[in-house]
Amino acid sequence: MKVVVLGATGGTGLEIVRRAVEQGHSVTAFVRSPEGLNSFRDRITIRQGDLLNSDELAEAIRGHDAVLSGFGPRLPIAKADKDLLHRFALTVTRAMNHANVRRVVVISTAFLFKDALIPYLFGRCFFPSVVKDATAMEQVLRKSGLDWTIVRPPELTNKPYTAGYRVLEGHLPRLGFRISRADVADFFVKAAEDMTTTGKLFGVSN
């Protein structure tokens, strides 16, 4: 597959790039600052631009099979970024429609699982702006008409790939409090390849 990775210089984005390359996919990273991708320079295409500019993003996406987004706001959330995910979703869906690319896999948060009581309450008590913004992002994707898959992990760690992570459609796996970014990246690539995950959301955890 030819994939575009967004948020490619962040912790999760770097792992998505690494996993996609390891699986033999052709990878384009669309980033504002490419310095964090130096170790991949001979194995991927790097396009520099503004992730919130739909024209620039559409040009980068055109001709690819899928978009994989590990993009998210940095913590603590700045006031200017309180609706960043919502704005990002509007830009991505507009750009993908212009570029005639339909497949997209996007990271969200386990805070939105109402039946996962601890993450749900923790998110609403300590990260209400993230909960609100992620909810708005997901609503945009659901209404976009694109072939979307949403991935909701709990706390992300920098531990290595395990291959033993758990996946549950529509719910967070029981007692799923953490997952490594490397395991999330593995599921991202598998989901992009598997069209049966289209129009579904998944909880993933170690």
N, C-alpha and C. Protein backbone atom coordinates (compact mmCIF):
# COMPACT_ATOMS: atom_id res chain seq x y z
N MET A 1 0.83 -1.20 0.00
CA MET A 1 0.00 0.00 0.00
C MET A 1 0.87 1.25 0.00
N LYS A 2 0.31 2.31 -0.53
CA LYS A 2 0.93 3.63 -0.43
C LYS A 2 0.18 4.41 0.64
N VAL A 3 0.86 4.73 1.74
CA VAL A 3 0.19 5.36 2.86
C VAL A 3 0.83 6.70 3.20
N VAL A 4 0.00 7.61 3.69
CA VAL A 4 0.47 8.89 4.23
C VAL A 4 0.31 8.83 5.75
N VAL A 5 1.37 9.16 6.47
CA VAL A 5 1.31 9.19 7.92
C VAL A 5 1.29 10.64 8.38
N LEU A 6 0.30 10.98 9.20
CA LEU A 6 0.18 12.32 9.78
C LEU A 6 0.57 12.25 11.25
N GLY A 7 1.14 13.36 11.75
CA GLY A 7 1.67 13.33 13.10
C GLY A 7 2.89 12.43 13.19
N ALA A 8 3.65 12.37 12.08
CA ALA A 8 4.71 11.37 11.93
C ALA A 8 5.92 11.60 12.81
N THR A 9 6.08 12.80 13.38
CA THR A 9 7.24 13.05 14.24
C THR A 9 6.89 12.90 15.72
N GLY A 10 5.64 12.62 16.04
CA GLY A 10 5.26 12.36 17.43
C GLY A 10 5.60 10.92 17.81
N GLY A 11 5.45 10.60 19.08
CA GLY A 11 5.81 9.27 19.55
C GLY A 11 5.07 8.15 18.84
N THR A 12 3.76 8.29 18.71
CA THR A 12 2.97 7.26 18.04
C THR A 12 3.18 7.30 16.54
N GLY A 13 3.26 8.51 15.97
CA GLY A 13 3.48 8.64 14.54
C GLY A 13 4.77 8.00 14.07
N LEU A 14 5.84 8.17 14.83
CA LEU A 14 7.11 7.54 14.49
C LEU A 14 6.99 6.02 14.46
N GLU A 15 6.24 5.48 15.41
CA GLU A 15 6.05 4.03 15.43
C GLU A 15 5.20 3.55 14.25
N ILE A 16 4.23 4.36 13.84
CA ILE A 16 3.42 4.00 12.67
C ILE A 16 4.30 3.99 11.42
N VAL A 17 5.15 5.00 11.28
CA VAL A 17 6.08 5.03 10.16
C VAL A 17 6.96 3.78 10.17
N ARG A 18 7.54 3.48 11.33
CA ARG A 18 8.44 2.33 11.44
C ARG A 18 7.73 1.03 11.08
N ARG A 19 6.52 0.84 11.61
CA ARG A 19 5.81 -0.41 11.36
C ARG A 19 5.40 -0.54 9.90
N ALA A 20 4.94 0.56 9.31
CA ALA A 20 4.53 0.53 7.90
C ALA A 20 5.71 0.21 6.99
N VAL A 21 6.87 0.78 7.30
CA VAL A 21 8.07 0.49 6.51
C VAL A 21 8.46 -0.97 6.67
N GLU A 22 8.44 -1.46 7.91
CA GLU A 22 8.80 -2.86 8.16
C GLU A 22 7.88 -3.83 7.44
N GLN A 23 6.63 -3.43 7.25
CA GLN A 23 5.66 -4.29 6.57
C GLN A 23 5.71 -4.13 5.05
N GLY A 24 6.64 -3.34 4.56
CA GLY A 24 6.85 -3.23 3.12
C GLY A 24 5.98 -2.22 2.41
N HIS A 25 5.34 -1.32 3.16
CA HIS A 25 4.49 -0.32 2.53
C HIS A 25 5.32 0.89 2.08
N SER A 26 4.81 1.58 1.10
CA SER A 26 5.42 2.84 0.64
C SER A 26 4.86 3.96 1.50
N VAL A 27 5.74 4.68 2.21
CA VAL A 27 5.31 5.64 3.22
C VAL A 27 5.69 7.06 2.84
N THR A 28 4.70 7.95 2.92
CA THR A 28 4.93 9.38 2.84
C THR A 28 4.57 10.00 4.18
N ALA A 29 5.50 10.75 4.76
CA ALA A 29 5.23 11.47 6.01
C ALA A 29 5.00 12.93 5.68
N PHE A 30 3.85 13.44 6.10
CA PHE A 30 3.53 14.86 5.88
C PHE A 30 3.70 15.58 7.21
N VAL A 31 4.70 16.44 7.29
CA VAL A 31 5.08 17.04 8.57
C VAL A 31 5.42 18.52 8.40
N ARG A 32 5.33 19.25 9.51
CA ARG A 32 5.76 20.64 9.50
C ARG A 32 7.28 20.74 9.58
N SER A 33 7.88 19.92 10.45
CA SER A 33 9.33 19.94 10.63
C SER A 33 9.86 18.51 10.48
N PRO A 34 10.66 18.22 9.45
CA PRO A 34 11.07 16.85 9.16
C PRO A 34 12.26 16.33 9.96
N GLU A 35 12.85 17.15 10.83
CA GLU A 35 14.08 16.75 11.48
C GLU A 35 13.95 15.44 12.28
N GLY A 36 12.78 15.20 12.85
CA GLY A 36 12.60 14.00 13.65
C GLY A 36 12.57 12.72 12.85
N LEU A 37 12.60 12.82 11.53
CA LEU A 37 12.51 11.64 10.67
C LEU A 37 13.84 11.30 10.00
N ASN A 38 14.93 11.85 10.52
CA ASN A 38 16.23 11.65 9.89
C ASN A 38 16.60 10.18 9.72
N SER A 39 16.21 9.35 10.68
CA SER A 39 16.58 7.93 10.60
C SER A 39 15.82 7.18 9.51
N PHE A 40 14.77 7.80 8.96
CA PHE A 40 13.98 7.14 7.92
C PHE A 40 14.20 7.76 6.53
N ARG A 41 15.05 8.75 6.42
CA ARG A 41 15.13 9.57 5.20
C ARG A 41 15.36 8.75 3.93
N ASP A 42 16.10 7.66 4.01
CA ASP A 42 16.38 6.87 2.81
C ASP A 42 15.31 5.82 2.53
N ARG A 43 14.27 5.77 3.41
CA ARG A 43 13.25 4.73 3.24
C ARG A 43 11.85 5.26 3.03
N ILE A 44 11.64 6.56 3.22
CA ILE A 44 10.31 7.13 3.07
C ILE A 44 10.38 8.43 2.27
N THR A 45 9.22 8.90 1.85
CA THR A 45 9.10 10.22 1.22
C THR A 45 8.63 11.21 2.28
N ILE A 46 9.28 12.35 2.36
CA ILE A 46 8.91 13.36 3.34
C ILE A 46 8.36 14.57 2.60
N ARG A 47 7.14 14.95 2.95
CA ARG A 47 6.51 16.15 2.41
C ARG A 47 6.31 17.13 3.55
N GLN A 48 6.77 18.34 3.35
CA GLN A 48 6.69 19.35 4.40
C GLN A 48 5.52 20.28 4.14
N GLY A 49 4.74 20.58 5.20
CA GLY A 49 3.61 21.47 5.03
C GLY A 49 2.82 21.62 6.31
N ASP A 50 1.70 22.31 6.20
CA ASP A 50 0.83 22.62 7.33
C ASP A 50 -0.31 21.62 7.39
N LEU A 51 -0.40 20.89 8.49
CA LEU A 51 -1.42 19.86 8.63
C LEU A 51 -2.83 20.42 8.65
N LEU A 52 -2.98 21.71 8.92
CA LEU A 52 -4.30 22.33 8.96
C LEU A 52 -4.59 23.13 7.70
N ASN A 53 -3.80 22.92 6.66
CA ASN A 53 -4.03 23.53 5.36
C ASN A 53 -4.53 22.45 4.41
N SER A 54 -5.81 22.49 4.08
CA SER A 54 -6.42 21.40 3.31
C SER A 54 -5.84 21.28 1.90
N ASP A 55 -5.44 22.39 1.30
CA ASP A 55 -4.87 22.33 -0.04
C ASP A 55 -3.51 21.63 -0.03
N GLU A 56 -2.66 21.99 0.93
CA GLU A 56 -1.35 21.35 1.04
C GLU A 56 -1.50 19.87 1.38
N LEU A 57 -2.43 19.58 2.26
CA LEU A 57 -2.64 18.20 2.67
C LEU A 57 -3.19 17.36 1.53
N ALA A 58 -4.13 17.90 0.77
CA ALA A 58 -4.70 17.17 -0.36
C ALA A 58 -3.62 16.82 -1.38
N GLU A 59 -2.71 17.75 -1.62
CA GLU A 59 -1.62 17.51 -2.58
C GLU A 59 -0.73 16.36 -2.10
N ALA A 60 -0.48 16.31 -0.79
CA ALA A 60 0.36 15.24 -0.24
C ALA A 60 -0.35 13.89 -0.26
N ILE A 61 -1.66 13.89 -0.07
CA ILE A 61 -2.44 12.65 0.01
C ILE A 61 -2.73 12.06 -1.36
N ARG A 62 -2.87 12.90 -2.36
CA ARG A 62 -3.28 12.45 -3.69
C ARG A 62 -2.39 11.31 -4.20
N GLY A 63 -3.03 10.26 -4.73
CA GLY A 63 -2.29 9.13 -5.27
C GLY A 63 -1.96 8.04 -4.27
N HIS A 64 -2.37 8.20 -3.01
CA HIS A 64 -2.11 7.20 -1.99
C HIS A 64 -3.35 6.35 -1.74
N ASP A 65 -3.14 5.25 -1.03
CA ASP A 65 -4.23 4.32 -0.74
C ASP A 65 -4.90 4.58 0.60
N ALA A 66 -4.15 5.16 1.55
CA ALA A 66 -4.71 5.34 2.89
C ALA A 66 -3.95 6.42 3.63
N VAL A 67 -4.64 6.99 4.61
CA VAL A 67 -4.06 7.97 5.52
C VAL A 67 -4.08 7.36 6.93
N LEU A 68 -2.93 7.39 7.60
CA LEU A 68 -2.82 6.89 8.97
C LEU A 68 -2.43 8.06 9.86
N SER A 69 -3.28 8.39 10.81
CA SER A 69 -3.04 9.58 11.62
C SER A 69 -2.77 9.24 13.08
N GLY A 70 -1.54 9.53 13.50
CA GLY A 70 -1.19 9.46 14.91
C GLY A 70 -1.16 10.84 15.53
N PHE A 71 -1.78 11.80 14.87
CA PHE A 71 -1.75 13.20 15.29
C PHE A 71 -2.58 13.43 16.54
N GLY A 72 -2.04 14.25 17.43
CA GLY A 72 -2.78 14.64 18.62
C GLY A 72 -2.13 15.83 19.28
N PRO A 73 -2.86 16.54 20.13
CA PRO A 73 -2.29 17.73 20.79
C PRO A 73 -1.27 17.34 21.85
N ARG A 74 -0.34 18.23 22.09
CA ARG A 74 0.64 18.01 23.15
C ARG A 74 0.04 18.41 24.49
N LEU A 75 0.40 17.65 25.51
CA LEU A 75 -0.05 17.95 26.87
C LEU A 75 1.01 18.75 27.61
N PRO A 76 0.61 19.73 28.43
CA PRO A 76 -0.76 20.20 28.66
C PRO A 76 -1.30 20.95 27.46
N ILE A 77 -2.62 20.94 27.29
CA ILE A 77 -3.26 21.54 26.13
C ILE A 77 -3.23 23.06 26.24
N ALA A 78 -2.66 23.71 25.25
CA ALA A 78 -2.68 25.17 25.20
C ALA A 78 -4.08 25.65 24.84
N LYS A 79 -4.43 26.85 25.28
CA LYS A 79 -5.76 27.39 24.99
C LYS A 79 -6.02 27.44 23.49
N ALA A 80 -5.00 27.75 22.72
CA ALA A 80 -5.16 27.85 21.27
C ALA A 80 -5.42 26.50 20.62
N ASP A 81 -5.13 25.42 21.35
CA ASP A 81 -5.29 24.07 20.79
C ASP A 81 -6.49 23.32 21.36
N LYS A 82 -7.39 24.01 22.05
CA LYS A 82 -8.49 23.32 22.71
C LYS A 82 -9.43 22.63 21.73
N ASP A 83 -9.47 23.10 20.46
CA ASP A 83 -10.30 22.46 19.45
C ASP A 83 -9.44 21.94 18.29
N LEU A 84 -8.19 21.61 18.57
CA LEU A 84 -7.24 21.23 17.53
C LEU A 84 -7.67 19.97 16.79
N LEU A 85 -8.15 18.97 17.50
CA LEU A 85 -8.56 17.73 16.85
C LEU A 85 -9.77 17.94 15.95
N HIS A 86 -10.69 18.77 16.39
CA HIS A 86 -11.86 19.08 15.57
C HIS A 86 -11.44 19.77 14.27
N ARG A 87 -10.57 20.77 14.39
CA ARG A 87 -10.08 21.48 13.19
C ARG A 87 -9.31 20.53 12.29
N PHE A 88 -8.52 19.67 12.90
CA PHE A 88 -7.76 18.68 12.14
C PHE A 88 -8.69 17.76 11.35
N ALA A 89 -9.75 17.27 11.99
CA ALA A 89 -10.68 16.37 11.32
C ALA A 89 -11.36 17.05 10.14
N LEU A 90 -11.76 18.29 10.31
CA LEU A 90 -12.38 19.03 9.21
C LEU A 90 -11.40 19.18 8.04
N THR A 91 -10.14 19.46 8.35
CA THR A 91 -9.13 19.64 7.30
C THR A 91 -8.85 18.33 6.59
N VAL A 92 -8.68 17.25 7.34
CA VAL A 92 -8.36 15.96 6.75
C VAL A 92 -9.49 15.45 5.86
N THR A 93 -10.72 15.54 6.34
CA THR A 93 -11.83 15.04 5.52
C THR A 93 -12.00 15.86 4.25
N ARG A 94 -11.80 17.17 4.36
CA ARG A 94 -11.87 18.02 3.16
C ARG A 94 -10.76 17.66 2.18
N ALA A 95 -9.55 17.49 2.69
CA ALA A 95 -8.41 17.18 1.83
C ALA A 95 -8.56 15.81 1.17
N MET A 96 -9.03 14.84 1.92
CA MET A 96 -9.19 13.49 1.36
C MET A 96 -10.25 13.47 0.27
N ASN A 97 -11.32 14.20 0.47
CA ASN A 97 -12.35 14.26 -0.57
C ASN A 97 -11.82 14.94 -1.83
N HIS A 98 -11.03 15.99 -1.66
CA HIS A 98 -10.43 16.67 -2.82
C HIS A 98 -9.45 15.74 -3.54
N ALA A 99 -8.70 14.94 -2.77
CA ALA A 99 -7.69 14.06 -3.35
C ALA A 99 -8.25 12.72 -3.81
N ASN A 100 -9.53 12.49 -3.54
CA ASN A 100 -10.20 11.24 -3.92
C ASN A 100 -9.53 10.03 -3.28
N VAL A 101 -9.18 10.16 -2.01
CA VAL A 101 -8.65 9.06 -1.20
C VAL A 101 -9.63 8.82 -0.07
N ARG A 102 -10.03 7.56 0.14
CA ARG A 102 -11.14 7.29 1.05
C ARG A 102 -10.73 6.63 2.37
N ARG A 103 -9.63 5.90 2.40
CA ARG A 103 -9.29 5.10 3.58
C ARG A 103 -8.51 5.91 4.60
N VAL A 104 -8.99 5.94 5.86
CA VAL A 104 -8.30 6.69 6.91
C VAL A 104 -8.43 5.95 8.24
N VAL A 105 -7.31 5.86 8.96
CA VAL A 105 -7.28 5.29 10.30
C VAL A 105 -6.77 6.38 11.24
N VAL A 106 -7.53 6.66 12.30
CA VAL A 106 -7.24 7.82 13.15
C VAL A 106 -7.17 7.40 14.61
N ILE A 107 -6.22 7.96 15.34
CA ILE A 107 -6.13 7.70 16.77
C ILE A 107 -7.04 8.66 17.54
N SER A 108 -7.71 8.12 18.55
CA SER A 108 -8.55 8.92 19.43
C SER A 108 -8.14 8.61 20.87
N THR A 109 -9.08 8.42 21.77
CA THR A 109 -8.73 8.17 23.18
C THR A 109 -9.75 7.26 23.86
N ALA A 110 -9.25 6.42 24.77
CA ALA A 110 -10.13 5.53 25.53
C ALA A 110 -11.00 6.28 26.52
N PHE A 111 -10.72 7.57 26.72
CA PHE A 111 -11.58 8.38 27.59
C PHE A 111 -13.04 8.38 27.12
N LEU A 112 -13.27 8.06 25.86
CA LEU A 112 -14.62 8.14 25.29
C LEU A 112 -15.44 6.86 25.48
N PHE A 113 -14.82 5.82 26.02
CA PHE A 113 -15.57 4.58 26.27
C PHE A 113 -16.36 4.73 27.57
N LYS A 114 -17.66 4.88 27.45
CA LYS A 114 -18.49 5.09 28.64
C LYS A 114 -18.54 3.88 29.55
N ASP A 115 -18.32 2.68 28.99
CA ASP A 115 -18.38 1.47 29.81
C ASP A 115 -17.02 1.11 30.40
N ALA A 116 -15.98 1.91 30.09
CA ALA A 116 -14.67 1.74 30.73
C ALA A 116 -14.59 2.78 31.84
N LEU A 117 -15.12 2.44 33.00
CA LEU A 117 -15.43 3.44 34.02
C LEU A 117 -14.22 4.26 34.46
N ILE A 118 -13.08 3.62 34.71
CA ILE A 118 -11.93 4.36 35.21
C ILE A 118 -11.39 5.35 34.17
N PRO A 119 -11.11 4.91 32.92
CA PRO A 119 -10.66 5.89 31.92
C PRO A 119 -11.71 6.96 31.64
N TYR A 120 -12.98 6.56 31.61
CA TYR A 120 -14.06 7.50 31.33
C TYR A 120 -14.11 8.62 32.37
N LEU A 121 -14.10 8.24 33.63
CA LEU A 121 -14.16 9.24 34.71
C LEU A 121 -12.86 10.04 34.80
N PHE A 122 -11.73 9.37 34.59
CA PHE A 122 -10.44 10.06 34.64
C PHE A 122 -10.38 11.14 33.56
N GLY A 123 -10.83 10.81 32.36
CA GLY A 123 -10.81 11.78 31.27
C GLY A 123 -11.68 12.98 31.56
N ARG A 124 -12.87 12.74 32.08
CA ARG A 124 -13.79 13.85 32.35
C ARG A 124 -13.37 14.70 33.53
N CYS A 125 -12.65 14.11 34.46
CA CYS A 125 -12.19 14.88 35.62
C CYS A 125 -10.93 15.69 35.32
N PHE A 126 -9.99 15.09 34.59
CA PHE A 126 -8.68 15.70 34.43
C PHE A 126 -8.38 16.21 33.02
N PHE A 127 -9.08 15.70 32.01
CA PHE A 127 -8.83 16.12 30.64
C PHE A 127 -10.13 16.41 29.89
N PRO A 128 -11.01 17.25 30.46
CA PRO A 128 -12.31 17.49 29.82
C PRO A 128 -12.19 18.10 28.44
N SER A 129 -11.17 18.93 28.20
CA SER A 129 -11.02 19.55 26.88
C SER A 129 -10.64 18.51 25.83
N VAL A 130 -9.83 17.52 26.24
CA VAL A 130 -9.46 16.44 25.32
C VAL A 130 -10.69 15.61 24.97
N VAL A 131 -11.50 15.31 25.98
CA VAL A 131 -12.72 14.53 25.75
C VAL A 131 -13.64 15.26 24.77
N LYS A 132 -13.85 16.54 24.99
CA LYS A 132 -14.73 17.32 24.13
C LYS A 132 -14.19 17.39 22.71
N ASP A 133 -12.89 17.63 22.59
CA ASP A 133 -12.28 17.79 21.27
C ASP A 133 -12.25 16.47 20.51
N ALA A 134 -11.90 15.38 21.19
CA ALA A 134 -11.87 14.07 20.54
C ALA A 134 -13.26 13.64 20.10
N THR A 135 -14.26 13.95 20.90
CA THR A 135 -15.65 13.64 20.54
C THR A 135 -16.05 14.37 19.26
N ALA A 136 -15.68 15.64 19.18
CA ALA A 136 -15.99 16.43 17.98
C ALA A 136 -15.26 15.88 16.76
N MET A 137 -14.01 15.48 16.94
CA MET A 137 -13.25 14.89 15.84
C MET A 137 -13.93 13.62 15.32
N GLU A 138 -14.31 12.74 16.23
CA GLU A 138 -14.95 11.50 15.82
C GLU A 138 -16.27 11.75 15.09
N GLN A 139 -17.03 12.73 15.54
CA GLN A 139 -18.29 13.05 14.88
C GLN A 139 -18.07 13.50 13.44
N VAL A 140 -17.02 14.28 13.21
CA VAL A 140 -16.70 14.71 11.85
C VAL A 140 -16.37 13.50 10.98
N LEU A 141 -15.57 12.60 11.49
CA LEU A 141 -15.19 11.41 10.73
C LEU A 141 -16.40 10.54 10.41
N ARG A 142 -17.26 10.36 11.39
CA ARG A 142 -18.44 9.51 11.20
C ARG A 142 -19.37 10.05 10.10
N LYS A 143 -19.42 11.38 9.98
CA LYS A 143 -20.31 12.00 9.00
C LYS A 143 -19.62 12.27 7.66
N SER A 144 -18.36 11.92 7.54
CA SER A 144 -17.55 12.32 6.38
C SER A 144 -17.84 11.54 5.11
N GLY A 145 -18.38 10.32 5.26
CA GLY A 145 -18.55 9.47 4.10
C GLY A 145 -17.29 8.73 3.70
N LEU A 146 -16.19 8.95 4.43
CA LEU A 146 -14.94 8.26 4.17
C LEU A 146 -14.96 6.85 4.76
N ASP A 147 -13.99 6.04 4.37
CA ASP A 147 -13.84 4.69 4.92
C ASP A 147 -12.94 4.77 6.16
N TRP A 148 -13.53 5.18 7.26
CA TRP A 148 -12.76 5.46 8.47
C TRP A 148 -12.70 4.28 9.43
N THR A 149 -11.63 4.25 10.20
CA THR A 149 -11.50 3.38 11.37
C THR A 149 -10.93 4.25 12.49
N ILE A 150 -11.53 4.17 13.67
CA ILE A 150 -11.07 4.95 14.82
C ILE A 150 -10.48 4.00 15.86
N VAL A 151 -9.29 4.35 16.35
CA VAL A 151 -8.59 3.53 17.34
C VAL A 151 -8.51 4.32 18.65
N ARG A 152 -9.04 3.74 19.73
CA ARG A 152 -9.07 4.41 21.03
C ARG A 152 -8.17 3.68 22.04
N PRO A 153 -6.90 4.08 22.16
CA PRO A 153 -6.04 3.46 23.15
C PRO A 153 -6.15 4.14 24.51
N PRO A 154 -5.77 3.43 25.58
CA PRO A 154 -5.64 4.08 26.89
C PRO A 154 -4.26 4.75 26.99
N GLU A 155 -3.68 4.80 28.17
CA GLU A 155 -2.36 5.44 28.33
C GLU A 155 -1.32 4.79 27.43
N LEU A 156 -0.56 5.63 26.72
CA LEU A 156 0.45 5.14 25.79
C LEU A 156 1.81 5.09 26.47
N THR A 157 2.56 4.02 26.20
CA THR A 157 3.90 3.87 26.76
C THR A 157 4.91 3.72 25.63
N ASN A 158 6.18 3.82 25.99
CA ASN A 158 7.26 3.65 25.01
C ASN A 158 7.87 2.26 25.07
N LYS A 159 7.17 1.31 25.62
CA LYS A 159 7.66 -0.06 25.68
C LYS A 159 7.69 -0.68 24.28
N PRO A 160 8.47 -1.74 24.09
CA PRO A 160 8.61 -2.33 22.74
C PRO A 160 7.36 -3.07 22.28
N TYR A 161 7.36 -3.38 21.01
CA TYR A 161 6.29 -4.16 20.39
C TYR A 161 6.20 -5.53 21.05
N THR A 162 4.97 -5.97 21.35
CA THR A 162 4.80 -7.24 22.05
C THR A 162 4.07 -8.29 21.22
N ALA A 163 3.24 -7.88 20.28
CA ALA A 163 2.39 -8.79 19.50
C ALA A 163 1.31 -9.44 20.36
N GLY A 164 1.30 -9.11 21.65
CA GLY A 164 0.31 -9.73 22.53
C GLY A 164 -0.76 -8.76 22.99
N TYR A 165 -0.93 -7.67 22.28
CA TYR A 165 -1.95 -6.69 22.67
C TYR A 165 -3.34 -7.21 22.33
N ARG A 166 -4.33 -6.60 22.98
CA ARG A 166 -5.72 -7.03 22.80
C ARG A 166 -6.52 -5.97 22.05
N VAL A 167 -7.46 -6.44 21.26
CA VAL A 167 -8.32 -5.56 20.45
C VAL A 167 -9.77 -5.95 20.67
N LEU A 168 -10.63 -4.95 20.86
CA LEU A 168 -12.05 -5.23 21.04
C LEU A 168 -12.86 -4.16 20.31
N GLU A 169 -13.74 -4.59 19.44
CA GLU A 169 -14.56 -3.64 18.69
C GLU A 169 -15.60 -2.99 19.61
N GLY A 170 -15.60 -1.66 19.61
CA GLY A 170 -16.61 -0.91 20.33
C GLY A 170 -16.39 -0.79 21.83
N HIS A 171 -15.35 -1.40 22.36
CA HIS A 171 -15.11 -1.39 23.80
C HIS A 171 -13.61 -1.42 24.07
N LEU A 172 -13.24 -1.02 25.28
CA LEU A 172 -11.86 -1.17 25.73
C LEU A 172 -11.72 -2.56 26.35
N PRO A 173 -10.69 -3.33 25.98
CA PRO A 173 -10.50 -4.64 26.62
C PRO A 173 -10.47 -4.52 28.15
N ARG A 174 -10.97 -5.53 28.82
CA ARG A 174 -11.10 -5.51 30.28
C ARG A 174 -9.76 -5.23 30.95
N LEU A 175 -9.78 -4.29 31.90
CA LEU A 175 -8.58 -3.88 32.63
C LEU A 175 -7.47 -3.41 31.69
N GLY A 176 -7.90 -2.78 30.61
CA GLY A 176 -6.93 -2.28 29.63
C GLY A 176 -6.52 -0.85 29.94
N PHE A 177 -5.48 -0.69 30.72
CA PHE A 177 -5.09 0.64 31.18
C PHE A 177 -3.92 1.24 30.41
N ARG A 178 -3.15 0.40 29.70
CA ARG A 178 -1.98 0.90 28.98
C ARG A 178 -1.77 0.09 27.71
N ILE A 179 -1.01 0.67 26.79
CA ILE A 179 -0.56 -0.04 25.59
C ILE A 179 0.66 0.69 25.03
N SER A 180 1.57 -0.05 24.47
CA SER A 180 2.76 0.58 23.89
C SER A 180 2.41 1.21 22.55
N ARG A 181 3.09 2.30 22.24
CA ARG A 181 2.89 2.95 20.94
C ARG A 181 3.22 2.00 19.80
N ALA A 182 4.20 1.14 20.01
CA ALA A 182 4.58 0.18 18.97
C ALA A 182 3.44 -0.79 18.67
N ASP A 183 2.72 -1.22 19.70
CA ASP A 183 1.58 -2.12 19.49
C ASP A 183 0.42 -1.38 18.81
N VAL A 184 0.19 -0.13 19.20
CA VAL A 184 -0.84 0.67 18.52
C VAL A 184 -0.50 0.80 17.04
N ALA A 185 0.76 1.06 16.74
CA ALA A 185 1.18 1.20 15.34
C ALA A 185 0.95 -0.08 14.56
N ASP A 186 1.19 -1.21 15.17
CA ASP A 186 0.96 -2.49 14.50
C ASP A 186 -0.50 -2.64 14.13
N PHE A 187 -1.39 -2.29 15.08
CA PHE A 187 -2.82 -2.40 14.77
C PHE A 187 -3.23 -1.40 13.70
N PHE A 188 -2.66 -0.21 13.71
CA PHE A 188 -2.95 0.78 12.68
C PHE A 188 -2.71 0.21 11.28
N VAL A 189 -1.55 -0.37 11.10
CA VAL A 189 -1.19 -0.89 9.78
C VAL A 189 -2.11 -2.05 9.40
N LYS A 190 -2.38 -2.93 10.35
CA LYS A 190 -3.28 -4.05 10.06
C LYS A 190 -4.69 -3.56 9.73
N ALA A 191 -5.16 -2.55 10.45
CA ALA A 191 -6.50 -2.02 10.20
C ALA A 191 -6.58 -1.38 8.82
N ALA A 192 -5.54 -0.67 8.42
CA ALA A 192 -5.53 -0.03 7.10
C ALA A 192 -5.63 -1.07 5.99
N GLU A 193 -5.02 -2.21 6.21
CA GLU A 193 -5.03 -3.28 5.22
C GLU A 193 -6.35 -4.04 5.18
N ASP A 194 -7.09 -4.01 6.28
CA ASP A 194 -8.29 -4.83 6.44
C ASP A 194 -9.55 -3.98 6.31
N MET A 195 -10.21 -4.06 5.18
CA MET A 195 -11.38 -3.22 4.94
C MET A 195 -12.58 -3.62 5.80
N THR A 196 -12.53 -4.77 6.47
CA THR A 196 -13.64 -5.14 7.36
C THR A 196 -13.66 -4.27 8.61
N THR A 197 -12.59 -3.50 8.86
CA THR A 197 -12.58 -2.59 10.01
C THR A 197 -13.19 -1.23 9.68
N THR A 198 -13.60 -1.05 8.44
CA THR A 198 -14.16 0.24 8.01
C THR A 198 -15.47 0.55 8.75
N GLY A 199 -15.58 1.82 9.17
CA GLY A 199 -16.78 2.27 9.86
C GLY A 199 -16.91 1.74 11.27
N LYS A 200 -15.80 1.32 11.87
CA LYS A 200 -15.82 0.76 13.22
C LYS A 200 -14.78 1.46 14.10
N LEU A 201 -15.01 1.38 15.41
CA LEU A 201 -14.00 1.88 16.35
C LEU A 201 -13.56 0.74 17.24
N PHE A 202 -12.30 0.83 17.68
CA PHE A 202 -11.69 -0.28 18.41
C PHE A 202 -10.96 0.22 19.66
N GLY A 203 -11.10 -0.54 20.73
CA GLY A 203 -10.27 -0.34 21.90
C GLY A 203 -9.09 -1.28 21.79
N VAL A 204 -7.90 -0.80 22.14
CA VAL A 204 -6.70 -1.62 22.10
C VAL A 204 -5.95 -1.44 23.42
N SER A 205 -5.38 -2.52 23.94
CA SER A 205 -4.62 -2.41 25.18
C SER A 205 -3.71 -3.61 25.32
N ASN A 206 -2.70 -3.49 26.17
CA ASN A 206 -1.83 -4.62 26.49
C ASN A 206 -2.49 -5.48 27.56
